[in-house]
C-alpha atoms as a PDB file:
ATOM      1  CA  MET A   1     122.186 166.075 128.051  1.00  0.00           C
ATOM      2  CA  MET A   2     125.721 166.274 126.653  1.00  0.00           C
ATOM      3  CA  LEU A   3     125.853 169.899 125.386  1.00  0.00           C
ATOM      4  CA  SER A   4     123.643 172.715 126.512  1.00  0.00           C
ATOM      5  CA  LEU A   5     123.800 175.770 125.747  1.00  0.00           C
ATOM      6  CA  SER A   6     121.895 178.532 128.183  1.00  0.00           C
ATOM      7  CA  ASN A   7     121.433 182.491 127.036  1.00  0.00           C
ATOM      8  CA  VAL A   8     124.850 183.013 125.516  1.00  0.00           C
ATOM      9  CA  VAL A   9     125.821 185.891 123.784  1.00  0.00           C
ATOM     10  CA  VAL A  10     128.691 186.290 122.217  1.00  0.00           C
ATOM     11  CA  HIS A  11     130.300 190.018 120.507  1.00  0.00           C
ATOM     12  CA  TYR A  12     133.102 190.446 117.713  1.00  0.00           C
ATOM     13  CA  GLY A  13     133.582 194.537 118.463  1.00  0.00           C
ATOM     14  CA  GLY A  14     130.202 196.096 118.769  1.00  0.00           C
ATOM     15  CA  ILE A  15     128.284 193.281 116.773  1.00  0.00           C
ATOM     16  CA  GLU A  16     125.589 191.656 118.832  1.00  0.00           C
ATOM     17  CA  ALA A  17     127.030 187.860 117.224  1.00  0.00           C
ATOM     18  CA  LEU A  18     124.581 185.575 119.178  1.00  0.00           C
ATOM     19  CA  LYS A  19     121.517 186.874 121.133  1.00  0.00           C
ATOM     20  CA  LYS A  20     120.942 184.599 124.138  1.00  0.00           C
ATOM     21  CA  VAL A  21     120.677 181.198 122.058  1.00  0.00           C
ATOM     22  CA  THR A  22     119.613 178.527 124.025  1.00  0.00           C
ATOM     23  CA  ILE A  23     120.854 174.376 121.832  1.00  0.00           C
ATOM     24  CA  GLU A  24     121.058 171.262 123.755  1.00  0.00           C
ATOM     25  CA  ALA A  25     122.863 168.129 122.238  1.00  0.00           C
ATOM     26  CA  GLU A  26     121.898 164.859 123.254  1.00  0.00           C
ATOM     27  CA  LYS A  27     124.739 162.101 123.448  1.00  0.00           C
ATOM     28  CA  GLY A  28     125.255 159.930 119.992  1.00  0.00           C
ATOM     29  CA  SER A  29     122.635 162.332 118.604  1.00  0.00           C
ATOM     30  CA  ILE A  30     123.206 164.347 115.655  1.00  0.00           C
ATOM     31  CA  THR A  31     122.055 168.334 115.896  1.00  0.00           C
ATOM     32  CA  THR A  32     121.821 170.305 113.071  1.00  0.00           C
ATOM     33  CA  LEU A  33     122.563 174.000 112.592  1.00  0.00           C
ATOM     34  CA  ILE A  34     120.827 175.672 109.348  1.00  0.00           C
ATOM     35  CA  GLY A  35     120.891 179.104 108.664  1.00  0.00           C
ATOM     36  CA  SER A  36     121.741 181.858 105.954  1.00  0.00           C
ATOM     37  CA  ASN A  37     126.121 183.068 106.157  1.00  0.00           C
ATOM     38  CA  GLY A  38     126.101 185.226 108.820  1.00  0.00           C
ATOM     39  CA  ALA A  39     122.985 183.226 110.406  1.00  0.00           C
ATOM     40  CA  GLY A  40     126.074 182.516 114.266  1.00  0.00           C
ATOM     41  CA  LYS A  41     126.638 178.868 113.134  1.00  0.00           C
ATOM     42  CA  SER A  42     130.256 179.112 113.496  1.00  0.00           C
ATOM     43  CA  THR A  43     130.013 181.219 116.208  1.00  0.00           C
ATOM     44  CA  CYS A  44     128.520 178.575 117.832  1.00  0.00           C
ATOM     45  CA  LEU A  45     130.881 176.484 117.546  1.00  0.00           C
ATOM     46  CA  ARG A  46     133.488 177.951 118.026  1.00  0.00           C
ATOM     47  CA  ALA A  47     132.367 179.445 121.264  1.00  0.00           C
ATOM     48  CA  VAL A  48     131.844 175.986 122.701  1.00  0.00           C
ATOM     49  CA  SER A  49     135.224 175.183 121.550  1.00  0.00           C
ATOM     50  CA  GLY A  50     136.894 178.809 123.392  1.00  0.00           C
ATOM     51  CA  LEU A  51     138.346 180.321 120.279  1.00  0.00           C
ATOM     52  CA  VAL A  52     135.125 182.991 121.207  1.00  0.00           C
ATOM     53  CA  PRO A  53     133.915 184.638 124.187  1.00  0.00           C
ATOM     54  CA  LEU A  54     131.188 184.959 125.945  1.00  0.00           C
ATOM     55  CA  THR A  55     130.214 187.635 126.882  1.00  0.00           C
ATOM     56  CA  TYR A  56     126.716 186.190 128.617  1.00  0.00           C
ATOM     57  CA  GLY A  57     125.007 183.403 128.917  1.00  0.00           C
ATOM     58  CA  GLU A  58     127.104 179.823 129.827  1.00  0.00           C
ATOM     59  CA  ILE A  59     128.170 176.498 128.608  1.00  0.00           C
ATOM     60  CA  ARG A  60     128.169 172.852 129.960  1.00  0.00           C
ATOM     61  CA  PHE A  61     129.670 169.660 128.897  1.00  0.00           C
ATOM     62  CA  GLU A  62     128.605 166.565 130.289  1.00  0.00           C
ATOM     63  CA  GLY A  63     127.137 168.435 132.654  1.00  0.00           C
ATOM     64  CA  ASN A  64     130.014 170.948 134.067  1.00  0.00           C
ATOM     65  CA  ARG A  65     130.697 174.714 132.446  1.00  0.00           C
ATOM     66  CA  ILE A  66     133.029 174.916 130.046  1.00  0.00           C
ATOM     67  CA  ASP A  67     133.113 178.485 129.543  1.00  0.00           C
ATOM     68  CA  GLY A  68     136.189 180.472 129.840  1.00  0.00           C
ATOM     69  CA  MET A  69     138.517 177.134 129.650  1.00  0.00           C
ATOM     70  CA  PRO A  70     140.968 177.885 127.165  1.00  0.00           C
ATOM     71  CA  PRO A  71     140.062 175.987 123.757  1.00  0.00           C
ATOM     72  CA  GLU A  72     143.428 173.070 124.703  1.00  0.00           C
ATOM     73  CA  ARG A  73     141.666 171.747 127.889  1.00  0.00           C
ATOM     74  CA  ILE A  74     137.903 171.548 126.363  1.00  0.00           C
ATOM     75  CA  VAL A  75     139.366 169.804 123.483  1.00  0.00           C
ATOM     76  CA  LYS A  76     141.285 167.438 126.021  1.00  0.00           C
ATOM     77  CA  LEU A  77     137.262 167.354 127.178  1.00  0.00           C
ATOM     78  CA  GLY A  78     136.691 165.539 123.932  1.00  0.00           C
ATOM     79  CA  ILE A  79     135.561 168.525 122.087  1.00  0.00           C
ATOM     80  CA  ALA A  80     137.296 167.937 118.591  1.00  0.00           C
ATOM     81  CA  HIS A  81     136.214 170.310 116.171  1.00  0.00           C
ATOM     82  CA  VAL A  82     136.486 169.928 112.630  1.00  0.00           C
ATOM     83  CA  PRO A  83     136.003 173.511 110.792  1.00  0.00           C
ATOM     84  CA  GLU A  84     135.050 175.012 107.492  1.00  0.00           C
ATOM     85  CA  GLY A  85     138.669 174.607 105.218  1.00  0.00           C
ATOM     86  CA  LYS A  86     139.477 171.779 106.664  1.00  0.00           C
ATOM     87  CA  ARG A  87     143.068 173.684 107.765  1.00  0.00           C
ATOM     88  CA  LEU A  88     145.410 171.113 107.150  1.00  0.00           C
ATOM     89  CA  PHE A  89     149.067 171.303 107.441  1.00  0.00           C
ATOM     90  CA  PRO A  90     149.534 171.238 103.215  1.00  0.00           C
ATOM     91  CA  THR A  91     153.236 170.296 103.302  1.00  0.00           C
ATOM     92  CA  MET A  92     153.426 167.952 105.736  1.00  0.00           C
ATOM     93  CA  SER A  93     152.049 163.923 105.855  1.00  0.00           C
ATOM     94  CA  VAL A  94     148.811 162.662 105.958  1.00  0.00           C
ATOM     95  CA  LEU A  95     149.763 161.020 108.740  1.00  0.00           C
ATOM     96  CA  ASP A  96     151.404 163.418 110.484  1.00  0.00           C
ATOM     97  CA  ASN A  97     148.620 165.233 109.434  1.00  0.00           C
ATOM     98  CA  LEU A  98     147.103 162.424 111.328  1.00  0.00           C
ATOM     99  CA  LEU A  99     148.457 162.435 114.218  1.00  0.00           C
ATOM    100  CA  THR A 100     148.193 166.336 114.880  1.00  0.00           C
ATOM    101  CA  GLY A 101     145.227 165.976 116.620  1.00  0.00           C
ATOM    102  CA  ALA A 102     146.409 163.602 118.994  1.00  0.00           C
ATOM    103  CA  TYR A 103     149.536 166.374 119.863  1.00  0.00           C
ATOM    104  CA  GLN A 104     148.207 166.531 123.004  1.00  0.00           C
ATOM    105  CA  ARG A 105     147.778 162.134 124.145  1.00  0.00           C
ATOM    106  CA  LYS A 106     150.125 160.390 125.986  1.00  0.00           C
ATOM    107  CA  ASP A 107     148.353 156.836 126.182  1.00  0.00           C
ATOM    108  CA  LYS A 108     150.644 155.981 122.450  1.00  0.00           C
ATOM    109  CA  ALA A 109     148.187 151.938 122.120  1.00  0.00           C
ATOM    110  CA  LYS A 110     145.480 153.548 122.409  1.00  0.00           C
ATOM    111  CA  ILE A 111     146.592 156.858 119.358  1.00  0.00           C
ATOM    112  CA  LYS A 112     147.797 153.628 117.439  1.00  0.00           C
ATOM    113  CA  GLN A 113     144.583 152.298 118.004  1.00  0.00           C
ATOM    114  CA  ASP A 114     143.118 155.494 116.915  1.00  0.00           C
ATOM    115  CA  LEU A 115     145.550 155.607 113.660  1.00  0.00           C
ATOM    116  CA  ASP A 116     143.870 152.665 112.680  1.00  0.00           C
ATOM    117  CA  LYS A 117     140.112 153.165 113.165  1.00  0.00           C
ATOM    118  CA  ALA A 118     141.305 156.310 111.535  1.00  0.00           C
ATOM    119  CA  ILE A 119     141.888 154.723 108.336  1.00  0.00           C
ATOM    120  CA  GLU A 120     139.076 151.540 108.701  1.00  0.00           C
ATOM    121  CA  TYR A 121     137.221 155.254 108.537  1.00  0.00           C
ATOM    122  CA  PHE A 122     138.587 156.238 104.763  1.00  0.00           C
ATOM    123  CA  PRO A 123     140.767 153.262 103.878  1.00  0.00           C
ATOM    124  CA  ILE A 124     142.014 155.743 101.104  1.00  0.00           C
ATOM    125  CA  LEU A 125     144.120 157.680 103.341  1.00  0.00           C
ATOM    126  CA  GLY A 126     145.883 153.900 104.265  1.00  0.00           C
ATOM    127  CA  GLU A 127     147.673 154.022 101.344  1.00  0.00           C
ATOM    128  CA  LYS A 128     148.309 157.299 101.357  1.00  0.00           C
ATOM    129  CA  LEU A 129     149.959 158.044 105.041  1.00  0.00           C
ATOM    130  CA  LYS A 130     153.185 159.664 103.582  1.00  0.00           C
ATOM    131  CA  LYS A 131     151.452 161.632 100.497  1.00  0.00           C
ATOM    132  CA  PRO A 132     152.110 165.677 101.628  1.00  0.00           C
ATOM    133  CA  ALA A 133     147.802 166.133 102.444  1.00  0.00           C
ATOM    134  CA  ASN A 134     148.509 169.380 100.003  1.00  0.00           C
ATOM    135  CA  THR A 135     148.569 166.774  96.831  1.00  0.00           C
ATOM    136  CA  LEU A 136     144.841 165.156  98.062  1.00  0.00           C
ATOM    137  CA  SER A 137     141.402 165.179  96.383  1.00  0.00           C
ATOM    138  CA  GLY A 138     139.485 167.884  98.279  1.00  0.00           C
ATOM    139  CA  GLY A 139     137.010 164.845  99.326  1.00  0.00           C
ATOM    140  CA  GLN A 140     139.661 163.162 100.546  1.00  0.00           C
ATOM    141  CA  GLN A 141     141.766 166.028 103.086  1.00  0.00           C
ATOM    142  CA  GLN A 142     138.490 166.588 103.902  1.00  0.00           C
ATOM    143  CA  MET A 143     138.794 162.494 105.364  1.00  0.00           C
ATOM    144  CA  VAL A 144     141.999 163.936 106.976  1.00  0.00           C
ATOM    145  CA  ALA A 145     140.675 166.962 108.959  1.00  0.00           C
ATOM    146  CA  PHE A 146     137.843 164.567 110.331  1.00  0.00           C
ATOM    147  CA  GLY A 147     140.680 161.525 110.886  1.00  0.00           C
ATOM    148  CA  ARG A 148     142.949 164.276 113.280  1.00  0.00           C
ATOM    149  CA  ALA A 149     139.802 165.659 114.856  1.00  0.00           C
ATOM    150  CA  LEU A 150     139.467 161.549 115.368  1.00  0.00           C
ATOM    151  CA  LEU A 151     143.450 161.078 116.941  1.00  0.00           C
ATOM    152  CA  SER A 152     141.911 163.894 120.292  1.00  0.00           C
ATOM    153  CA  ASP A 153     139.733 161.251 121.390  1.00  0.00           C
ATOM    154  CA  PRO A 154     136.885 162.989 121.052  1.00  0.00           C
ATOM    155  CA  LYS A 155     133.309 162.546 122.881  1.00  0.00           C
ATOM    156  CA  LEU A 156     131.587 165.108 120.633  1.00  0.00           C
ATOM    157  CA  PHE A 157     132.528 166.448 117.217  1.00  0.00           C
ATOM    158  CA  LEU A 158     131.472 169.583 116.116  1.00  0.00           C
ATOM    159  CA  PHE A 159     131.778 169.575 112.185  1.00  0.00           C
ATOM    160  CA  ASP A 160     131.106 172.798 110.265  1.00  0.00           C
ATOM    161  CA  GLU A 161     130.378 173.344 107.316  1.00  0.00           C
ATOM    162  CA  PRO A 162     131.719 169.348 105.700  1.00  0.00           C
ATOM    163  CA  SER A 163     130.233 169.651 102.811  1.00  0.00           C
ATOM    164  CA  LEU A 164     131.215 173.218 101.363  1.00  0.00           C
ATOM    165  CA  GLY A 165     133.044 172.848  97.791  1.00  0.00           C
ATOM    166  CA  MET A 166     131.770 168.970  97.707  1.00  0.00           C
ATOM    167  CA  ALA A 167     131.390 166.890  94.371  1.00  0.00           C
ATOM    168  CA  PRO A 168     127.952 165.981  95.410  1.00  0.00           C
ATOM    169  CA  ILE A 169     128.597 161.987  95.303  1.00  0.00           C
ATOM    170  CA  VAL A 170     131.947 163.305  98.266  1.00  0.00           C
ATOM    171  CA  VAL A 171     128.844 164.568  99.584  1.00  0.00           C
ATOM    172  CA  LYS A 172     127.383 161.760  99.956  1.00  0.00           C
ATOM    173  CA  ASP A 173     130.146 160.008 101.295  1.00  0.00           C
ATOM    174  CA  ILE A 174     130.083 162.996 104.087  1.00  0.00           C
ATOM    175  CA  GLY A 175     126.675 162.151 104.903  1.00  0.00           C
ATOM    176  CA  LYS A 176     127.227 158.949 105.392  1.00  0.00           C
ATOM    177  CA  LEU A 177     130.350 159.156 107.018  1.00  0.00           C
ATOM    178  CA  ILE A 178     128.568 161.616 109.812  1.00  0.00           C
ATOM    179  CA  LYS A 179     125.981 158.808 110.550  1.00  0.00           C
ATOM    180  CA  GLN A 180     128.625 156.248 110.838  1.00  0.00           C
ATOM    181  CA  LEU A 181     129.785 157.894 113.956  1.00  0.00           C
ATOM    182  CA  ALA A 182     126.741 158.840 115.926  1.00  0.00           C
ATOM    183  CA  ASN A 183     125.910 155.078 115.138  1.00  0.00           C
ATOM    184  CA  ASP A 184     129.108 154.351 117.027  1.00  0.00           C
ATOM    185  CA  GLY A 185     128.627 156.359 119.849  1.00  0.00           C
ATOM    186  CA  TYR A 186     129.972 159.469 118.974  1.00  0.00           C
ATOM    187  CA  THR A 187     127.999 163.358 119.825  1.00  0.00           C
ATOM    188  CA  ILE A 188     127.589 165.157 116.278  1.00  0.00           C
ATOM    189  CA  VAL A 189     126.834 168.913 115.882  1.00  0.00           C
ATOM    190  CA  LEU A 190     126.577 169.889 112.433  1.00  0.00           C
ATOM    191  CA  VAL A 191     126.305 173.408 110.980  1.00  0.00           C
ATOM    192  CA  GLU A 192     125.685 172.854 107.159  1.00  0.00           C
ATOM    193  CA  GLN A 193     124.356 175.133 104.832  1.00  0.00           C
ATOM    194  CA  ASN A 194     123.211 172.029 103.025  1.00  0.00           C
ATOM    195  CA  ALA A 195     119.977 171.810 104.744  1.00  0.00           C
ATOM    196  CA  THR A 196     117.901 169.283 102.836  1.00  0.00           C
ATOM    197  CA  MET A 197     121.354 167.040 104.055  1.00  0.00           C
ATOM    198  CA  ALA A 198     121.301 168.082 107.575  1.00  0.00           C
ATOM    199  CA  LEU A 199     117.737 167.690 107.985  1.00  0.00           C
ATOM    200  CA  GLU A 200     117.977 164.082 106.465  1.00  0.00           C
ATOM    201  CA  LEU A 201     121.004 163.387 108.952  1.00  0.00           C
ATOM    202  CA  ALA A 202     120.061 165.133 112.116  1.00  0.00           C
ATOM    203  CA  HIS A 203     117.820 164.052 114.629  1.00  0.00           C
ATOM    204  CA  LYS A 204     117.206 167.736 116.133  1.00  0.00           C
ATOM    205  CA  ALA A 205     117.713 171.019 114.362  1.00  0.00           C
ATOM    206  CA  TYR A 206     117.745 174.904 114.704  1.00  0.00           C
ATOM    207  CA  VAL A 207     116.918 177.244 112.436  1.00  0.00           C
ATOM    208  CA  LEU A 208     119.689 180.155 112.718  1.00  0.00           C
ATOM    209  CA  GLU A 209     117.970 183.834 111.973  1.00  0.00           C
ATOM    210  CA  THR A 210     120.766 186.286 112.815  1.00  0.00           C
ATOM    211  CA  GLY A 211     122.172 185.154 115.847  1.00  0.00           C
ATOM    212  CA  THR A 212     119.414 184.126 117.699  1.00  0.00           C
ATOM    213  CA  VAL A 213     117.413 180.831 117.451  1.00  0.00           C
ATOM    214  CA  ALA A 214     114.526 181.391 114.818  1.00  0.00           C
ATOM    215  CA  MET A 215     112.785 177.332 114.731  1.00  0.00           C
ATOM    216  CA  ALA A 216     114.165 174.480 116.811  1.00  0.00           C
ATOM    217  CA  GLY A 217     112.414 170.567 117.809  1.00  0.00           C
ATOM    218  CA  ALA A 218     112.660 167.283 115.479  1.00  0.00           C
ATOM    219  CA  SER A 219     114.324 167.221 112.218  1.00  0.00           C
ATOM    220  CA  VAL A 220     111.596 165.664 110.388  1.00  0.00           C
ATOM    221  CA  GLN A 221     109.462 168.130 111.728  1.00  0.00           C
ATOM    222  CA  LEU A 222     111.300 170.618 110.328  1.00  0.00           C
ATOM    223  CA  GLN A 223     111.142 169.149 107.388  1.00  0.00           C
ATOM    224  CA  LYS A 224     107.896 170.238 106.920  1.00  0.00           C
ATOM    225  CA  SER A 225     107.676 172.982 108.005  1.00  0.00           C
ATOM    226  CA  ASP A 226     106.468 175.460 105.196  1.00  0.00           C
ATOM    227  CA  TYR A 227     109.032 178.649 106.059  1.00  0.00           C
ATOM    228  CA  VAL A 228     111.995 175.655 106.409  1.00  0.00           C
ATOM    229  CA  LYS A 229     110.686 174.211 102.860  1.00  0.00           C
ATOM    230  CA  LYS A 230     110.700 177.787 101.845  1.00  0.00           C
ATOM    231  CA  VAL A 231     113.580 179.654 102.826  1.00  0.00           C
ATOM    232  CA  TYR A 232     116.472 176.322 103.069  1.00  0.00           C
ATOM    233  CA  LEU A 233     115.197 173.683 101.683  1.00  0.00           C
ATOM    234  CA  GLY A 234     113.994 175.391  97.813  1.00  0.00           C
ATOM    235  CA  ILE A 235     110.678 173.680  97.682  1.00  0.00           C
END
């Protein structure tokens, strides 16, 4: 198993944000977490990245425990977190934003290869490398955020609401890209409020409600659930 969360409990002050959450993501698969705002989806990703401490439970990556490790070490192990809202350096160039993903790396030849790979995924960025990030469209800025993650040389991507606020055509492109990354051997954990897109892309899905896993299973099975259809797919 590439990633596993076992009985994870997380508190924000006195509030229990995650209540004994258990989630698994297999190598090369897309695993999605769906649920309403405040369900605990983003907290799961932040826990994996070391951005919030666990009260209880454990997180393993490639069989080794990573809970309690500092975030920079977790990145070095091969986990790239693409947060909600892109979080770029707005006045820095596209190139410099991409290269911030490689800040811990020393392997210059491989960094150049990964930069070329990012531009292969996002050809439009190759034309805009010298432009400040804040001159790009929302969809292009999301590409920079994806590319920056790629420059950290990851094995696992954590995507937090990548389609939020995007035009439908951009949402489609983001979906294609996530699928392509999985086809290329990367493991994906996708947090997404667009449950229709998430379930179409993912192999496995978890429904989070108020910090607990309410349902879990193959995405194709959850798509058939009357409850999921009614509450999350609007059918």
